Protein backbone atom coordinates (compact mmCIF):
# COMPACT_ATOMS: atom_id res chain seq x y z
CA MET A 1 0.00 0.00 0.00
CA LEU A 2 1.23 3.48 -0.87
CA ASP A 3 -0.37 6.56 0.72
CA GLY A 4 0.04 10.18 -0.26
CA ASP A 5 0.23 11.72 -3.71
CA VAL A 6 0.60 8.54 -5.77
CA VAL A 7 1.46 8.95 -9.46
CA LEU A 8 1.93 6.05 -11.87
CA THR A 9 3.45 6.70 -15.27
CA GLN A 10 4.22 4.55 -18.28
CA GLY A 11 5.49 6.56 -21.21
CA PRO A 12 2.90 9.28 -21.88
CA ASN A 13 0.21 7.56 -19.76
CA ALA A 14 -0.31 8.81 -16.19
CA THR A 15 -2.62 8.05 -13.26
CA ALA A 16 -2.69 10.05 -10.01
CA GLY A 17 -4.55 9.43 -6.76
CA GLY A 18 -4.22 9.36 -2.99
CA ARG A 19 -3.69 5.65 -2.18
CA LEU A 20 -2.47 2.66 -4.18
CA VAL A 21 -3.18 -0.92 -3.09
CA TYR A 22 -1.42 -3.79 -4.89
CA ARG A 23 -2.59 -7.34 -4.20
CA VAL A 24 0.27 -9.79 -4.85
CA ALA A 25 -1.90 -12.94 -4.95
CA THR A 26 -4.22 -11.63 -7.68
CA ARG A 27 -1.83 -9.08 -9.24
CA ASP A 28 -4.48 -6.37 -9.30
CA VAL A 29 -4.10 -2.70 -8.42
CA THR A 30 -6.65 -0.26 -6.99
CA ILE A 31 -6.02 3.47 -6.81
CA PHE A 32 -8.29 5.54 -4.58
CA GLY A 33 -8.85 9.24 -5.04
CA ALA A 34 -7.85 12.10 -2.82
CA PRO A 35 -10.36 13.47 -3.64
CA ARG A 36 -10.44 11.96 -7.19
CA VAL A 37 -8.34 9.63 -9.34
CA ARG A 38 -7.23 11.24 -12.60
CA SER A 39 -5.87 9.29 -15.56
CA GLN A 40 -4.73 10.12 -19.06
CA PHE A 41 -4.14 7.37 -21.62
CA VAL A 42 -2.61 8.15 -24.99
CA GLN A 43 -4.12 6.09 -27.80
CA GLN A 44 -1.76 4.15 -30.02
CA GLN A 45 -2.13 4.37 -33.78
CA ALA A 46 -3.80 1.14 -34.86
CA ALA A 47 -2.84 -0.58 -38.09
CA PRO A 48 -5.52 -0.21 -40.76
CA ALA A 49 -7.92 -3.14 -40.81
CA ALA A 50 -8.08 -5.30 -43.90
CA PRO A 51 -11.31 -4.85 -45.88
CA SER A 52 -13.89 -7.57 -45.29
CA ARG A 53 -16.34 -8.99 -47.80
CA ALA A 54 -18.85 -9.88 -45.09
CA ALA A 55 -21.47 -7.32 -44.18
CA ALA A 56 -20.42 -5.27 -41.18
CA PRO A 57 -22.63 -5.76 -38.09
CA ARG A 58 -24.71 -2.80 -36.99
CA ARG A 59 -23.14 -0.95 -34.09
CA ARG A 60 -25.03 0.67 -31.29
CA THR A 61 -24.31 4.32 -30.69
CA PRO A 62 -22.36 4.75 -27.43
CA PRO A 63 -23.92 6.99 -24.75
CA PHE A 64 -21.05 9.45 -25.15
CA PRO A 65 -18.97 10.51 -28.14
CA ALA A 66 -15.76 8.62 -28.85
CA PRO A 67 -12.59 10.71 -28.50
CA ALA A 68 -11.09 12.06 -31.70
CA PRO A 69 -8.44 9.76 -33.17
CA ARG A 70 -5.10 10.00 -31.36
CA GLU A 71 -6.50 12.35 -28.68
CA PRO A 72 -5.70 11.31 -25.07
CA ILE A 73 -8.47 9.59 -23.10
CA GLN A 74 -9.15 11.42 -19.81
CA ILE A 75 -10.67 9.54 -16.85
CA GLU A 76 -11.75 10.95 -13.49
CA ALA A 77 -13.27 8.70 -10.80
CA ASN A 78 -13.39 7.90 -7.08
CA GLN A 79 -11.28 4.79 -7.69
CA LEU A 80 -9.66 2.97 -10.59
CA GLN A 81 -8.86 -0.73 -10.69
CA TRP A 82 -6.58 -2.77 -13.01
CA PHE A 83 -6.56 -6.54 -13.35
CA ASP A 84 -3.74 -8.65 -14.74
CA ALA A 85 -6.11 -10.85 -16.78
CA PRO A 86 -3.63 -13.62 -17.72
CA GLN A 87 -2.95 -14.28 -14.02
CA ARG A 88 -6.59 -14.48 -12.90
CA PRO A 89 -8.43 -17.80 -12.58
CA SER A 90 -11.20 -18.43 -15.07
CA THR A 91 -14.78 -17.83 -13.93
CA ALA A 92 -15.43 -21.59 -14.21
CA ALA A 93 -12.72 -22.29 -11.59
CA ARG A 94 -14.14 -19.87 -9.02
């Protein structure tokens, strides 16, 4: 557990909060706000998708607009949690 002004960075990505809790057994991280958790994630340029001959499925409109391409994604919340998916047991094993 880390208390105080916690800041995690990885390249241009950054997350700041007031307390970080890392659980070794499950390899997940929770950051709690003080008063809020703030994150910025820079989107990577995706390779262009190959054209498909199959008809594209209809997509539902999200409740909020998607960020412009290559614009950072901003998140503000009371807490933010990451899971190391490859290390977690499957739902069938729980």
